[in-house]
Amino acid sequence: VDPLGMAAPIIHAHLAWLAHPQELA
């Protein structure tokens, strides 16, 4: 689905921000 790793790192970044609401705020 994502052989060159284009989408997965960006999805990981979104999930990481959702897991850190204070830093996101």
PDBML (XML) file of the C-alpha atoms, coordinates in Angstrom:
<?xml version="1.0" encoding="UTF-8" ?>
<PDBx:datablock datablockName="MODEL"
   xmlns:PDBx="http://pdbml.pdb.org/schema/pdbx-v50.xsd"
   xmlns:xsi="http://www.w3.org/2001/XMLSchema-instance"
   xsi:schemaLocation="http://pdbml.pdb.org/schema/pdbx-v50.xsd pdbx-v50.xsd">
   <PDBx:atom_siteCategory>
      <PDBx:atom_site id="1">
         <PDBx:B_iso_or_equiv>0.00</PDBx:B_iso_or_equiv>
         <PDBx:Cartn_x>0.000</PDBx:Cartn_x>
         <PDBx:Cartn_y>0.000</PDBx:Cartn_y>
         <PDBx:Cartn_z>0.000</PDBx:Cartn_z>
         <PDBx:auth_asym_id>A</PDBx:auth_asym_id>
         <PDBx:auth_atom_id>CA</PDBx:auth_atom_id>
         <PDBx:auth_comp_id>VAL</PDBx:auth_comp_id>
         <PDBx:auth_seq_id>1</PDBx:auth_seq_id>
         <PDBx:group_PDB>ATOM</PDBx:group_PDB>
         <PDBx:label_alt_id xsi:nil="true" />
         <PDBx:label_asym_id>A</PDBx:label_asym_id>
         <PDBx:label_atom_id>CA</PDBx:label_atom_id>
         <PDBx:label_comp_id>VAL</PDBx:label_comp_id>
         <PDBx:label_entity_id>1</PDBx:label_entity_id>
         <PDBx:label_seq_id>1</PDBx:label_seq_id>
         <PDBx:occupancy>1.00</PDBx:occupancy>
         <PDBx:pdbx_PDB_model_num>1</PDBx:pdbx_PDB_model_num>
         <PDBx:type_symbol>C</PDBx:type_symbol>
      </PDBx:atom_site>
      <PDBx:atom_site id="2">
         <PDBx:B_iso_or_equiv>0.00</PDBx:B_iso_or_equiv>
         <PDBx:Cartn_x>2.778</PDBx:Cartn_x>
         <PDBx:Cartn_y>2.469</PDBx:Cartn_y>
         <PDBx:Cartn_z>0.916</PDBx:Cartn_z>
         <PDBx:auth_asym_id>A</PDBx:auth_asym_id>
         <PDBx:auth_atom_id>CA</PDBx:auth_atom_id>
         <PDBx:auth_comp_id>ASP</PDBx:auth_comp_id>
         <PDBx:auth_seq_id>2</PDBx:auth_seq_id>
         <PDBx:group_PDB>ATOM</PDBx:group_PDB>
         <PDBx:label_alt_id xsi:nil="true" />
         <PDBx:label_asym_id>A</PDBx:label_asym_id>
         <PDBx:label_atom_id>CA</PDBx:label_atom_id>
         <PDBx:label_comp_id>ASP</PDBx:label_comp_id>
         <PDBx:label_entity_id>1</PDBx:label_entity_id>
         <PDBx:label_seq_id>2</PDBx:label_seq_id>
         <PDBx:occupancy>1.00</PDBx:occupancy>
         <PDBx:pdbx_PDB_model_num>1</PDBx:pdbx_PDB_model_num>
         <PDBx:type_symbol>C</PDBx:type_symbol>
      </PDBx:atom_site>
      <PDBx:atom_site id="3">
         <PDBx:B_iso_or_equiv>0.00</PDBx:B_iso_or_equiv>
         <PDBx:Cartn_x>6.063</PDBx:Cartn_x>
         <PDBx:Cartn_y>1.051</PDBx:Cartn_y>
         <PDBx:Cartn_z>-0.433</PDBx:Cartn_z>
         <PDBx:auth_asym_id>A</PDBx:auth_asym_id>
         <PDBx:auth_atom_id>CA</PDBx:auth_atom_id>
         <PDBx:auth_comp_id>PRO</PDBx:auth_comp_id>
         <PDBx:auth_seq_id>3</PDBx:auth_seq_id>
         <PDBx:group_PDB>ATOM</PDBx:group_PDB>
         <PDBx:label_alt_id xsi:nil="true" />
         <PDBx:label_asym_id>A</PDBx:label_asym_id>
         <PDBx:label_atom_id>CA</PDBx:label_atom_id>
         <PDBx:label_comp_id>PRO</PDBx:label_comp_id>
         <PDBx:label_entity_id>1</PDBx:label_entity_id>
         <PDBx:label_seq_id>3</PDBx:label_seq_id>
         <PDBx:occupancy>1.00</PDBx:occupancy>
         <PDBx:pdbx_PDB_model_num>1</PDBx:pdbx_PDB_model_num>
         <PDBx:type_symbol>C</PDBx:type_symbol>
      </PDBx:atom_site>
      <PDBx:atom_site id="4">
         <PDBx:B_iso_or_equiv>0.00</PDBx:B_iso_or_equiv>
         <PDBx:Cartn_x>8.052</PDBx:Cartn_x>
         <PDBx:Cartn_y>4.296</PDBx:Cartn_y>
         <PDBx:Cartn_z>-0.217</PDBx:Cartn_z>
         <PDBx:auth_asym_id>A</PDBx:auth_asym_id>
         <PDBx:auth_atom_id>CA</PDBx:auth_atom_id>
         <PDBx:auth_comp_id>LEU</PDBx:auth_comp_id>
         <PDBx:auth_seq_id>4</PDBx:auth_seq_id>
         <PDBx:group_PDB>ATOM</PDBx:group_PDB>
         <PDBx:label_alt_id xsi:nil="true" />
         <PDBx:label_asym_id>A</PDBx:label_asym_id>
         <PDBx:label_atom_id>CA</PDBx:label_atom_id>
         <PDBx:label_comp_id>LEU</PDBx:label_comp_id>
         <PDBx:label_entity_id>1</PDBx:label_entity_id>
         <PDBx:label_seq_id>4</PDBx:label_seq_id>
         <PDBx:occupancy>1.00</PDBx:occupancy>
         <PDBx:pdbx_PDB_model_num>1</PDBx:pdbx_PDB_model_num>
         <PDBx:type_symbol>C</PDBx:type_symbol>
      </PDBx:atom_site>
      <PDBx:atom_site id="5">
         <PDBx:B_iso_or_equiv>0.00</PDBx:B_iso_or_equiv>
         <PDBx:Cartn_x>6.761</PDBx:Cartn_x>
         <PDBx:Cartn_y>5.278</PDBx:Cartn_y>
         <PDBx:Cartn_z>3.225</PDBx:Cartn_z>
         <PDBx:auth_asym_id>A</PDBx:auth_asym_id>
         <PDBx:auth_atom_id>CA</PDBx:auth_atom_id>
         <PDBx:auth_comp_id>GLY</PDBx:auth_comp_id>
         <PDBx:auth_seq_id>5</PDBx:auth_seq_id>
         <PDBx:group_PDB>ATOM</PDBx:group_PDB>
         <PDBx:label_alt_id xsi:nil="true" />
         <PDBx:label_asym_id>A</PDBx:label_asym_id>
         <PDBx:label_atom_id>CA</PDBx:label_atom_id>
         <PDBx:label_comp_id>GLY</PDBx:label_comp_id>
         <PDBx:label_entity_id>1</PDBx:label_entity_id>
         <PDBx:label_seq_id>5</PDBx:label_seq_id>
         <PDBx:occupancy>1.00</PDBx:occupancy>
         <PDBx:pdbx_PDB_model_num>1</PDBx:pdbx_PDB_model_num>
         <PDBx:type_symbol>C</PDBx:type_symbol>
      </PDBx:atom_site>
      <PDBx:atom_site id="6">
         <PDBx:B_iso_or_equiv>0.00</PDBx:B_iso_or_equiv>
         <PDBx:Cartn_x>4.907</PDBx:Cartn_x>
         <PDBx:Cartn_y>8.386</PDBx:Cartn_y>
         <PDBx:Cartn_z>2.069</PDBx:Cartn_z>
         <PDBx:auth_asym_id>A</PDBx:auth_asym_id>
         <PDBx:auth_atom_id>CA</PDBx:auth_atom_id>
         <PDBx:auth_comp_id>MET</PDBx:auth_comp_id>
         <PDBx:auth_seq_id>6</PDBx:auth_seq_id>
         <PDBx:group_PDB>ATOM</PDBx:group_PDB>
         <PDBx:label_alt_id xsi:nil="true" />
         <PDBx:label_asym_id>A</PDBx:label_asym_id>
         <PDBx:label_atom_id>CA</PDBx:label_atom_id>
         <PDBx:label_comp_id>MET</PDBx:label_comp_id>
         <PDBx:label_entity_id>1</PDBx:label_entity_id>
         <PDBx:label_seq_id>6</PDBx:label_seq_id>
         <PDBx:occupancy>1.00</PDBx:occupancy>
         <PDBx:pdbx_PDB_model_num>1</PDBx:pdbx_PDB_model_num>
         <PDBx:type_symbol>C</PDBx:type_symbol>
      </PDBx:atom_site>
      <PDBx:atom_site id="7">
         <PDBx:B_iso_or_equiv>0.00</PDBx:B_iso_or_equiv>
         <PDBx:Cartn_x>1.735</PDBx:Cartn_x>
         <PDBx:Cartn_y>8.067</PDBx:Cartn_y>
         <PDBx:Cartn_z>4.136</PDBx:Cartn_z>
         <PDBx:auth_asym_id>A</PDBx:auth_asym_id>
         <PDBx:auth_atom_id>CA</PDBx:auth_atom_id>
         <PDBx:auth_comp_id>ALA</PDBx:auth_comp_id>
         <PDBx:auth_seq_id>7</PDBx:auth_seq_id>
         <PDBx:group_PDB>ATOM</PDBx:group_PDB>
         <PDBx:label_alt_id xsi:nil="true" />
         <PDBx:label_asym_id>A</PDBx:label_asym_id>
         <PDBx:label_atom_id>CA</PDBx:label_atom_id>
         <PDBx:label_comp_id>ALA</PDBx:label_comp_id>
         <PDBx:label_entity_id>1</PDBx:label_entity_id>
         <PDBx:label_seq_id>7</PDBx:label_seq_id>
         <PDBx:occupancy>1.00</PDBx:occupancy>
         <PDBx:pdbx_PDB_model_num>1</PDBx:pdbx_PDB_model_num>
         <PDBx:type_symbol>C</PDBx:type_symbol>
      </PDBx:atom_site>
      <PDBx:atom_site id="8">
         <PDBx:B_iso_or_equiv>0.00</PDBx:B_iso_or_equiv>
         <PDBx:Cartn_x>2.680</PDBx:Cartn_x>
         <PDBx:Cartn_y>6.070</PDBx:Cartn_y>
         <PDBx:Cartn_z>7.242</PDBx:Cartn_z>
         <PDBx:auth_asym_id>A</PDBx:auth_asym_id>
         <PDBx:auth_atom_id>CA</PDBx:auth_atom_id>
         <PDBx:auth_comp_id>ALA</PDBx:auth_comp_id>
         <PDBx:auth_seq_id>8</PDBx:auth_seq_id>
         <PDBx:group_PDB>ATOM</PDBx:group_PDB>
         <PDBx:label_alt_id xsi:nil="true" />
         <PDBx:label_asym_id>A</PDBx:label_asym_id>
         <PDBx:label_atom_id>CA</PDBx:label_atom_id>
         <PDBx:label_comp_id>ALA</PDBx:label_comp_id>
         <PDBx:label_entity_id>1</PDBx:label_entity_id>
         <PDBx:label_seq_id>8</PDBx:label_seq_id>
         <PDBx:occupancy>1.00</PDBx:occupancy>
         <PDBx:pdbx_PDB_model_num>1</PDBx:pdbx_PDB_model_num>
         <PDBx:type_symbol>C</PDBx:type_symbol>
      </PDBx:atom_site>
      <PDBx:atom_site id="9">
         <PDBx:B_iso_or_equiv>0.00</PDBx:B_iso_or_equiv>
         <PDBx:Cartn_x>5.065</PDBx:Cartn_x>
         <PDBx:Cartn_y>8.653</PDBx:Cartn_y>
         <PDBx:Cartn_z>8.808</PDBx:Cartn_z>
         <PDBx:auth_asym_id>A</PDBx:auth_asym_id>
         <PDBx:auth_atom_id>CA</PDBx:auth_atom_id>
         <PDBx:auth_comp_id>PRO</PDBx:auth_comp_id>
         <PDBx:auth_seq_id>9</PDBx:auth_seq_id>
         <PDBx:group_PDB>ATOM</PDBx:group_PDB>
         <PDBx:label_alt_id xsi:nil="true" />
         <PDBx:label_asym_id>A</PDBx:label_asym_id>
         <PDBx:label_atom_id>CA</PDBx:label_atom_id>
         <PDBx:label_comp_id>PRO</PDBx:label_comp_id>
         <PDBx:label_entity_id>1</PDBx:label_entity_id>
         <PDBx:label_seq_id>9</PDBx:label_seq_id>
         <PDBx:occupancy>1.00</PDBx:occupancy>
         <PDBx:pdbx_PDB_model_num>1</PDBx:pdbx_PDB_model_num>
         <PDBx:type_symbol>C</PDBx:type_symbol>
      </PDBx:atom_site>
      <PDBx:atom_site id="10">
         <PDBx:B_iso_or_equiv>0.00</PDBx:B_iso_or_equiv>
         <PDBx:Cartn_x>2.494</PDBx:Cartn_x>
         <PDBx:Cartn_y>11.419</PDBx:Cartn_y>
         <PDBx:Cartn_z>8.367</PDBx:Cartn_z>
         <PDBx:auth_asym_id>A</PDBx:auth_asym_id>
         <PDBx:auth_atom_id>CA</PDBx:auth_atom_id>
         <PDBx:auth_comp_id>ILE</PDBx:auth_comp_id>
         <PDBx:auth_seq_id>10</PDBx:auth_seq_id>
         <PDBx:group_PDB>ATOM</PDBx:group_PDB>
         <PDBx:label_alt_id xsi:nil="true" />
         <PDBx:label_asym_id>A</PDBx:label_asym_id>
         <PDBx:label_atom_id>CA</PDBx:label_atom_id>
         <PDBx:label_comp_id>ILE</PDBx:label_comp_id>
         <PDBx:label_entity_id>1</PDBx:label_entity_id>
         <PDBx:label_seq_id>10</PDBx:label_seq_id>
         <PDBx:occupancy>1.00</PDBx:occupancy>
         <PDBx:pdbx_PDB_model_num>1</PDBx:pdbx_PDB_model_num>
         <PDBx:type_symbol>C</PDBx:type_symbol>
      </PDBx:atom_site>
      <PDBx:atom_site id="11">
         <PDBx:B_iso_or_equiv>0.00</PDBx:B_iso_or_equiv>
         <PDBx:Cartn_x>-0.220</PDBx:Cartn_x>
         <PDBx:Cartn_y>9.267</PDBx:Cartn_y>
         <PDBx:Cartn_z>9.975</PDBx:Cartn_z>
         <PDBx:auth_asym_id>A</PDBx:auth_asym_id>
         <PDBx:auth_atom_id>CA</PDBx:auth_atom_id>
         <PDBx:auth_comp_id>ILE</PDBx:auth_comp_id>
         <PDBx:auth_seq_id>11</PDBx:auth_seq_id>
         <PDBx:group_PDB>ATOM</PDBx:group_PDB>
         <PDBx:label_alt_id xsi:nil="true" />
         <PDBx:label_asym_id>A</PDBx:label_asym_id>
         <PDBx:label_atom_id>CA</PDBx:label_atom_id>
         <PDBx:label_comp_id>ILE</PDBx:label_comp_id>
         <PDBx:label_entity_id>1</PDBx:label_entity_id>
         <PDBx:label_seq_id>11</PDBx:label_seq_id>
         <PDBx:occupancy>1.00</PDBx:occupancy>
         <PDBx:pdbx_PDB_model_num>1</PDBx:pdbx_PDB_model_num>
         <PDBx:type_symbol>C</PDBx:type_symbol>
      </PDBx:atom_site>
      <PDBx:atom_site id="12">
         <PDBx:B_iso_or_equiv>0.00</PDBx:B_iso_or_equiv>
         <PDBx:Cartn_x>2.168</PDBx:Cartn_x>
         <PDBx:Cartn_y>8.499</PDBx:Cartn_y>
         <PDBx:Cartn_z>12.833</PDBx:Cartn_z>
         <PDBx:auth_asym_id>A</PDBx:auth_asym_id>
         <PDBx:auth_atom_id>CA</PDBx:auth_atom_id>
         <PDBx:auth_comp_id>HIS</PDBx:auth_comp_id>
         <PDBx:auth_seq_id>12</PDBx:auth_seq_id>
         <PDBx:group_PDB>ATOM</PDBx:group_PDB>
         <PDBx:label_alt_id xsi:nil="true" />
         <PDBx:label_asym_id>A</PDBx:label_asym_id>
         <PDBx:label_atom_id>CA</PDBx:label_atom_id>
         <PDBx:label_comp_id>HIS</PDBx:label_comp_id>
         <PDBx:label_entity_id>1</PDBx:label_entity_id>
         <PDBx:label_seq_id>12</PDBx:label_seq_id>
         <PDBx:occupancy>1.00</PDBx:occupancy>
         <PDBx:pdbx_PDB_model_num>1</PDBx:pdbx_PDB_model_num>
         <PDBx:type_symbol>C</PDBx:type_symbol>
      </PDBx:atom_site>
      <PDBx:atom_site id="13">
         <PDBx:B_iso_or_equiv>0.00</PDBx:B_iso_or_equiv>
         <PDBx:Cartn_x>2.783</PDBx:Cartn_x>
         <PDBx:Cartn_y>12.236</PDBx:Cartn_y>
         <PDBx:Cartn_z>13.298</PDBx:Cartn_z>
         <PDBx:auth_asym_id>A</PDBx:auth_asym_id>
         <PDBx:auth_atom_id>CA</PDBx:auth_atom_id>
         <PDBx:auth_comp_id>ALA</PDBx:auth_comp_id>
         <PDBx:auth_seq_id>13</PDBx:auth_seq_id>
         <PDBx:group_PDB>ATOM</PDBx:group_PDB>
         <PDBx:label_alt_id xsi:nil="true" />
         <PDBx:label_asym_id>A</PDBx:label_asym_id>
         <PDBx:label_atom_id>CA</PDBx:label_atom_id>
         <PDBx:label_comp_id>ALA</PDBx:label_comp_id>
         <PDBx:label_entity_id>1</PDBx:label_entity_id>
         <PDBx:label_seq_id>13</PDBx:label_seq_id>
         <PDBx:occupancy>1.00</PDBx:occupancy>
         <PDBx:pdbx_PDB_model_num>1</PDBx:pdbx_PDB_model_num>
         <PDBx:type_symbol>C</PDBx:type_symbol>
      </PDBx:atom_site>
      <PDBx:atom_site id="14">
         <PDBx:B_iso_or_equiv>0.00</PDBx:B_iso_or_equiv>
         <PDBx:Cartn_x>-0.966</PDBx:Cartn_x>
         <PDBx:Cartn_y>12.955</PDBx:Cartn_y>
         <PDBx:Cartn_z>13.511</PDBx:Cartn_z>
         <PDBx:auth_asym_id>A</PDBx:auth_asym_id>
         <PDBx:auth_atom_id>CA</PDBx:auth_atom_id>
         <PDBx:auth_comp_id>HIS</PDBx:auth_comp_id>
         <PDBx:auth_seq_id>14</PDBx:auth_seq_id>
         <PDBx:group_PDB>ATOM</PDBx:group_PDB>
         <PDBx:label_alt_id xsi:nil="true" />
         <PDBx:label_asym_id>A</PDBx:label_asym_id>
         <PDBx:label_atom_id>CA</PDBx:label_atom_id>
         <PDBx:label_comp_id>HIS</PDBx:label_comp_id>
         <PDBx:label_entity_id>1</PDBx:label_entity_id>
         <PDBx:label_seq_id>14</PDBx:label_seq_id>
         <PDBx:occupancy>1.00</PDBx:occupancy>
         <PDBx:pdbx_PDB_model_num>1</PDBx:pdbx_PDB_model_num>
         <PDBx:type_symbol>C</PDBx:type_symbol>
      </PDBx:atom_site>
      <PDBx:atom_site id="15">
         <PDBx:B_iso_or_equiv>0.00</PDBx:B_iso_or_equiv>
         <PDBx:Cartn_x>-1.465</PDBx:Cartn_x>
         <PDBx:Cartn_y>10.173</PDBx:Cartn_y>
         <PDBx:Cartn_z>16.042</PDBx:Cartn_z>
         <PDBx:auth_asym_id>A</PDBx:auth_asym_id>
         <PDBx:auth_atom_id>CA</PDBx:auth_atom_id>
         <PDBx:auth_comp_id>LEU</PDBx:auth_comp_id>
         <PDBx:auth_seq_id>15</PDBx:auth_seq_id>
         <PDBx:group_PDB>ATOM</PDBx:group_PDB>
         <PDBx:label_alt_id xsi:nil="true" />
         <PDBx:label_asym_id>A</PDBx:label_asym_id>
         <PDBx:label_atom_id>CA</PDBx:label_atom_id>
         <PDBx:label_comp_id>LEU</PDBx:label_comp_id>
         <PDBx:label_entity_id>1</PDBx:label_entity_id>
         <PDBx:label_seq_id>15</PDBx:label_seq_id>
         <PDBx:occupancy>1.00</PDBx:occupancy>
         <PDBx:pdbx_PDB_model_num>1</PDBx:pdbx_PDB_model_num>
         <PDBx:type_symbol>C</PDBx:type_symbol>
      </PDBx:atom_site>
      <PDBx:atom_site id="16">
         <PDBx:B_iso_or_equiv>0.00</PDBx:B_iso_or_equiv>
         <PDBx:Cartn_x>1.505</PDBx:Cartn_x>
         <PDBx:Cartn_y>11.417</PDBx:Cartn_y>
         <PDBx:Cartn_z>18.077</PDBx:Cartn_z>
         <PDBx:auth_asym_id>A</PDBx:auth_asym_id>
         <PDBx:auth_atom_id>CA</PDBx:auth_atom_id>
         <PDBx:auth_comp_id>ALA</PDBx:auth_comp_id>
         <PDBx:auth_seq_id>16</PDBx:auth_seq_id>
         <PDBx:group_PDB>ATOM</PDBx:group_PDB>
         <PDBx:label_alt_id xsi:nil="true" />
         <PDBx:label_asym_id>A</PDBx:label_asym_id>
         <PDBx:label_atom_id>CA</PDBx:label_atom_id>
         <PDBx:label_comp_id>ALA</PDBx:label_comp_id>
         <PDBx:label_entity_id>1</PDBx:label_entity_id>
         <PDBx:label_seq_id>16</PDBx:label_seq_id>
         <PDBx:occupancy>1.00</PDBx:occupancy>
         <PDBx:pdbx_PDB_model_num>1</PDBx:pdbx_PDB_model_num>
         <PDBx:type_symbol>C</PDBx:type_symbol>
      </PDBx:atom_site>
      <PDBx:atom_site id="17">
         <PDBx:B_iso_or_equiv>0.00</PDBx:B_iso_or_equiv>
         <PDBx:Cartn_x>-0.014</PDBx:Cartn_x>
         <PDBx:Cartn_y>14.903</PDBx:Cartn_y>
         <PDBx:Cartn_z>18.359</PDBx:Cartn_z>
         <PDBx:auth_asym_id>A</PDBx:auth_asym_id>
         <PDBx:auth_atom_id>CA</PDBx:auth_atom_id>
         <PDBx:auth_comp_id>TRP</PDBx:auth_comp_id>
         <PDBx:auth_seq_id>17</PDBx:auth_seq_id>
         <PDBx:group_PDB>ATOM</PDBx:group_PDB>
         <PDBx:label_alt_id xsi:nil="true" />
         <PDBx:label_asym_id>A</PDBx:label_asym_id>
         <PDBx:label_atom_id>CA</PDBx:label_atom_id>
         <PDBx:label_comp_id>TRP</PDBx:label_comp_id>
         <PDBx:label_entity_id>1</PDBx:label_entity_id>
         <PDBx:label_seq_id>17</PDBx:label_seq_id>
         <PDBx:occupancy>1.00</PDBx:occupancy>
         <PDBx:pdbx_PDB_model_num>1</PDBx:pdbx_PDB_model_num>
         <PDBx:type_symbol>C</PDBx:type_symbol>
      </PDBx:atom_site>
      <PDBx:atom_site id="18">
         <PDBx:B_iso_or_equiv>0.00</PDBx:B_iso_or_equiv>
         <PDBx:Cartn_x>-3.400</PDBx:Cartn_x>
         <PDBx:Cartn_y>13.448</PDBx:Cartn_y>
         <PDBx:Cartn_z>19.369</PDBx:Cartn_z>
         <PDBx:auth_asym_id>A</PDBx:auth_asym_id>
         <PDBx:auth_atom_id>CA</PDBx:auth_atom_id>
         <PDBx:auth_comp_id>LEU</PDBx:auth_comp_id>
         <PDBx:auth_seq_id>18</PDBx:auth_seq_id>
         <PDBx:group_PDB>ATOM</PDBx:group_PDB>
         <PDBx:label_alt_id xsi:nil="true" />
         <PDBx:label_asym_id>A</PDBx:label_asym_id>
         <PDBx:label_atom_id>CA</PDBx:label_atom_id>
         <PDBx:label_comp_id>LEU</PDBx:label_comp_id>
         <PDBx:label_entity_id>1</PDBx:label_entity_id>
         <PDBx:label_seq_id>18</PDBx:label_seq_id>
         <PDBx:occupancy>1.00</PDBx:occupancy>
         <PDBx:pdbx_PDB_model_num>1</PDBx:pdbx_PDB_model_num>
         <PDBx:type_symbol>C</PDBx:type_symbol>
      </PDBx:atom_site>
      <PDBx:atom_site id="19">
         <PDBx:B_iso_or_equiv>0.00</PDBx:B_iso_or_equiv>
         <PDBx:Cartn_x>-1.610</PDBx:Cartn_x>
         <PDBx:Cartn_y>11.540</PDBx:Cartn_y>
         <PDBx:Cartn_z>22.117</PDBx:Cartn_z>
         <PDBx:auth_asym_id>A</PDBx:auth_asym_id>
         <PDBx:auth_atom_id>CA</PDBx:auth_atom_id>
         <PDBx:auth_comp_id>ALA</PDBx:auth_comp_id>
         <PDBx:auth_seq_id>19</PDBx:auth_seq_id>
         <PDBx:group_PDB>ATOM</PDBx:group_PDB>
         <PDBx:label_alt_id xsi:nil="true" />
         <PDBx:label_asym_id>A</PDBx:label_asym_id>
         <PDBx:label_atom_id>CA</PDBx:label_atom_id>
         <PDBx:label_comp_id>ALA</PDBx:label_comp_id>
         <PDBx:label_entity_id>1</PDBx:label_entity_id>
         <PDBx:label_seq_id>19</PDBx:label_seq_id>
         <PDBx:occupancy>1.00</PDBx:occupancy>
         <PDBx:pdbx_PDB_model_num>1</PDBx:pdbx_PDB_model_num>
         <PDBx:type_symbol>C</PDBx:type_symbol>
      </PDBx:atom_site>
      <PDBx:atom_site id="20">
         <PDBx:B_iso_or_equiv>0.00</PDBx:B_iso_or_equiv>
         <PDBx:Cartn_x>-0.049</PDBx:Cartn_x>
         <PDBx:Cartn_y>14.787</PDBx:Cartn_y>
         <PDBx:Cartn_z>23.453</PDBx:Cartn_z>
         <PDBx:auth_asym_id>A</PDBx:auth_asym_id>
         <PDBx:auth_atom_id>CA</PDBx:auth_atom_id>
         <PDBx:auth_comp_id>HIS</PDBx:auth_comp_id>
         <PDBx:auth_seq_id>20</PDBx:auth_seq_id>
         <PDBx:group_PDB>ATOM</PDBx:group_PDB>
         <PDBx:label_alt_id xsi:nil="true" />
         <PDBx:label_asym_id>A</PDBx:label_asym_id>
         <PDBx:label_atom_id>CA</PDBx:label_atom_id>
         <PDBx:label_comp_id>HIS</PDBx:label_comp_id>
         <PDBx:label_entity_id>1</PDBx:label_entity_id>
         <PDBx:label_seq_id>20</PDBx:label_seq_id>
         <PDBx:occupancy>1.00</PDBx:occupancy>
         <PDBx:pdbx_PDB_model_num>1</PDBx:pdbx_PDB_model_num>
         <PDBx:type_symbol>C</PDBx:type_symbol>
      </PDBx:atom_site>
      <PDBx:atom_site id="21">
         <PDBx:B_iso_or_equiv>0.00</PDBx:B_iso_or_equiv>
         <PDBx:Cartn_x>-2.964</PDBx:Cartn_x>
         <PDBx:Cartn_y>17.253</PDBx:Cartn_y>
         <PDBx:Cartn_z>23.824</PDBx:Cartn_z>
         <PDBx:auth_asym_id>A</PDBx:auth_asym_id>
         <PDBx:auth_atom_id>CA</PDBx:auth_atom_id>
         <PDBx:auth_comp_id>PRO</PDBx:auth_comp_id>
         <PDBx:auth_seq_id>21</PDBx:auth_seq_id>
         <PDBx:group_PDB>ATOM</PDBx:group_PDB>
         <PDBx:label_alt_id xsi:nil="true" />
         <PDBx:label_asym_id>A</PDBx:label_asym_id>
         <PDBx:label_atom_id>CA</PDBx:label_atom_id>
         <PDBx:label_comp_id>PRO</PDBx:label_comp_id>
         <PDBx:label_entity_id>1</PDBx:label_entity_id>
         <PDBx:label_seq_id>21</PDBx:label_seq_id>
         <PDBx:occupancy>1.00</PDBx:occupancy>
         <PDBx:pdbx_PDB_model_num>1</PDBx:pdbx_PDB_model_num>
         <PDBx:type_symbol>C</PDBx:type_symbol>
      </PDBx:atom_site>
      <PDBx:atom_site id="22">
         <PDBx:B_iso_or_equiv>0.00</PDBx:B_iso_or_equiv>
         <PDBx:Cartn_x>-1.063</PDBx:Cartn_x>
         <PDBx:Cartn_y>19.704</PDBx:Cartn_y>
         <PDBx:Cartn_z>26.050</PDBx:Cartn_z>
         <PDBx:auth_asym_id>A</PDBx:auth_asym_id>
         <PDBx:auth_atom_id>CA</PDBx:auth_atom_id>
         <PDBx:auth_comp_id>GLN</PDBx:auth_comp_id>
         <PDBx:auth_seq_id>22</PDBx:auth_seq_id>
         <PDBx:group_PDB>ATOM</PDBx:group_PDB>
         <PDBx:label_alt_id xsi:nil="true" />
         <PDBx:label_asym_id>A</PDBx:label_asym_id>
         <PDBx:label_atom_id>CA</PDBx:label_atom_id>
         <PDBx:label_comp_id>GLN</PDBx:label_comp_id>
         <PDBx:label_entity_id>1</PDBx:label_entity_id>
         <PDBx:label_seq_id>22</PDBx:label_seq_id>
         <PDBx:occupancy>1.00</PDBx:occupancy>
         <PDBx:pdbx_PDB_model_num>1</PDBx:pdbx_PDB_model_num>
         <PDBx:type_symbol>C</PDBx:type_symbol>
      </PDBx:atom_site>
      <PDBx:atom_site id="23">
         <PDBx:B_iso_or_equiv>0.00</PDBx:B_iso_or_equiv>
         <PDBx:Cartn_x>1.778</PDBx:Cartn_x>
         <PDBx:Cartn_y>20.138</PDBx:Cartn_y>
         <PDBx:Cartn_z>23.555</PDBx:Cartn_z>
         <PDBx:auth_asym_id>A</PDBx:auth_asym_id>
         <PDBx:auth_atom_id>CA</PDBx:auth_atom_id>
         <PDBx:auth_comp_id>GLU</PDBx:auth_comp_id>
         <PDBx:auth_seq_id>23</PDBx:auth_seq_id>
         <PDBx:group_PDB>ATOM</PDBx:group_PDB>
         <PDBx:label_alt_id xsi:nil="true" />
         <PDBx:label_asym_id>A</PDBx:label_asym_id>
         <PDBx:label_atom_id>CA</PDBx:label_atom_id>
         <PDBx:label_comp_id>GLU</PDBx:label_comp_id>
         <PDBx:label_entity_id>1</PDBx:label_entity_id>
         <PDBx:label_seq_id>23</PDBx:label_seq_id>
         <PDBx:occupancy>1.00</PDBx:occupancy>
         <PDBx:pdbx_PDB_model_num>1</PDBx:pdbx_PDB_model_num>
         <PDBx:type_symbol>C</PDBx:type_symbol>
      </PDBx:atom_site>
      <PDBx:atom_site id="24">
         <PDBx:B_iso_or_equiv>0.00</PDBx:B_iso_or_equiv>
         <PDBx:Cartn_x>-0.803</PDBx:Cartn_x>
         <PDBx:Cartn_y>20.416</PDBx:Cartn_y>
         <PDBx:Cartn_z>20.755</PDBx:Cartn_z>
         <PDBx:auth_asym_id>A</PDBx:auth_asym_id>
         <PDBx:auth_atom_id>CA</PDBx:auth_atom_id>
         <PDBx:auth_comp_id>LEU</PDBx:auth_comp_id>
         <PDBx:auth_seq_id>24</PDBx:auth_seq_id>
         <PDBx:group_PDB>ATOM</PDBx:group_PDB>
         <PDBx:label_alt_id xsi:nil="true" />
         <PDBx:label_asym_id>A</PDBx:label_asym_id>
         <PDBx:label_atom_id>CA</PDBx:label_atom_id>
         <PDBx:label_comp_id>LEU</PDBx:label_comp_id>
         <PDBx:label_entity_id>1</PDBx:label_entity_id>
         <PDBx:label_seq_id>24</PDBx:label_seq_id>
         <PDBx:occupancy>1.00</PDBx:occupancy>
         <PDBx:pdbx_PDB_model_num>1</PDBx:pdbx_PDB_model_num>
         <PDBx:type_symbol>C</PDBx:type_symbol>
      </PDBx:atom_site>
      <PDBx:atom_site id="25">
         <PDBx:B_iso_or_equiv>0.00</PDBx:B_iso_or_equiv>
         <PDBx:Cartn_x>-2.631</PDBx:Cartn_x>
         <PDBx:Cartn_y>23.171</PDBx:Cartn_y>
         <PDBx:Cartn_z>22.611</PDBx:Cartn_z>
         <PDBx:auth_asym_id>A</PDBx:auth_asym_id>
         <PDBx:auth_atom_id>CA</PDBx:auth_atom_id>
         <PDBx:auth_comp_id>ALA</PDBx:auth_comp_id>
         <PDBx:auth_seq_id>25</PDBx:auth_seq_id>
         <PDBx:group_PDB>ATOM</PDBx:group_PDB>
         <PDBx:label_alt_id xsi:nil="true" />
         <PDBx:label_asym_id>A</PDBx:label_asym_id>
         <PDBx:label_atom_id>CA</PDBx:label_atom_id>
         <PDBx:label_comp_id>ALA</PDBx:label_comp_id>
         <PDBx:label_entity_id>1</PDBx:label_entity_id>
         <PDBx:label_seq_id>25</PDBx:label_seq_id>
         <PDBx:occupancy>1.00</PDBx:occupancy>
         <PDBx:pdbx_PDB_model_num>1</PDBx:pdbx_PDB_model_num>
         <PDBx:type_symbol>C</PDBx:type_symbol>
      </PDBx:atom_site>
   </PDBx:atom_siteCategory>
</PDBx:datablock>
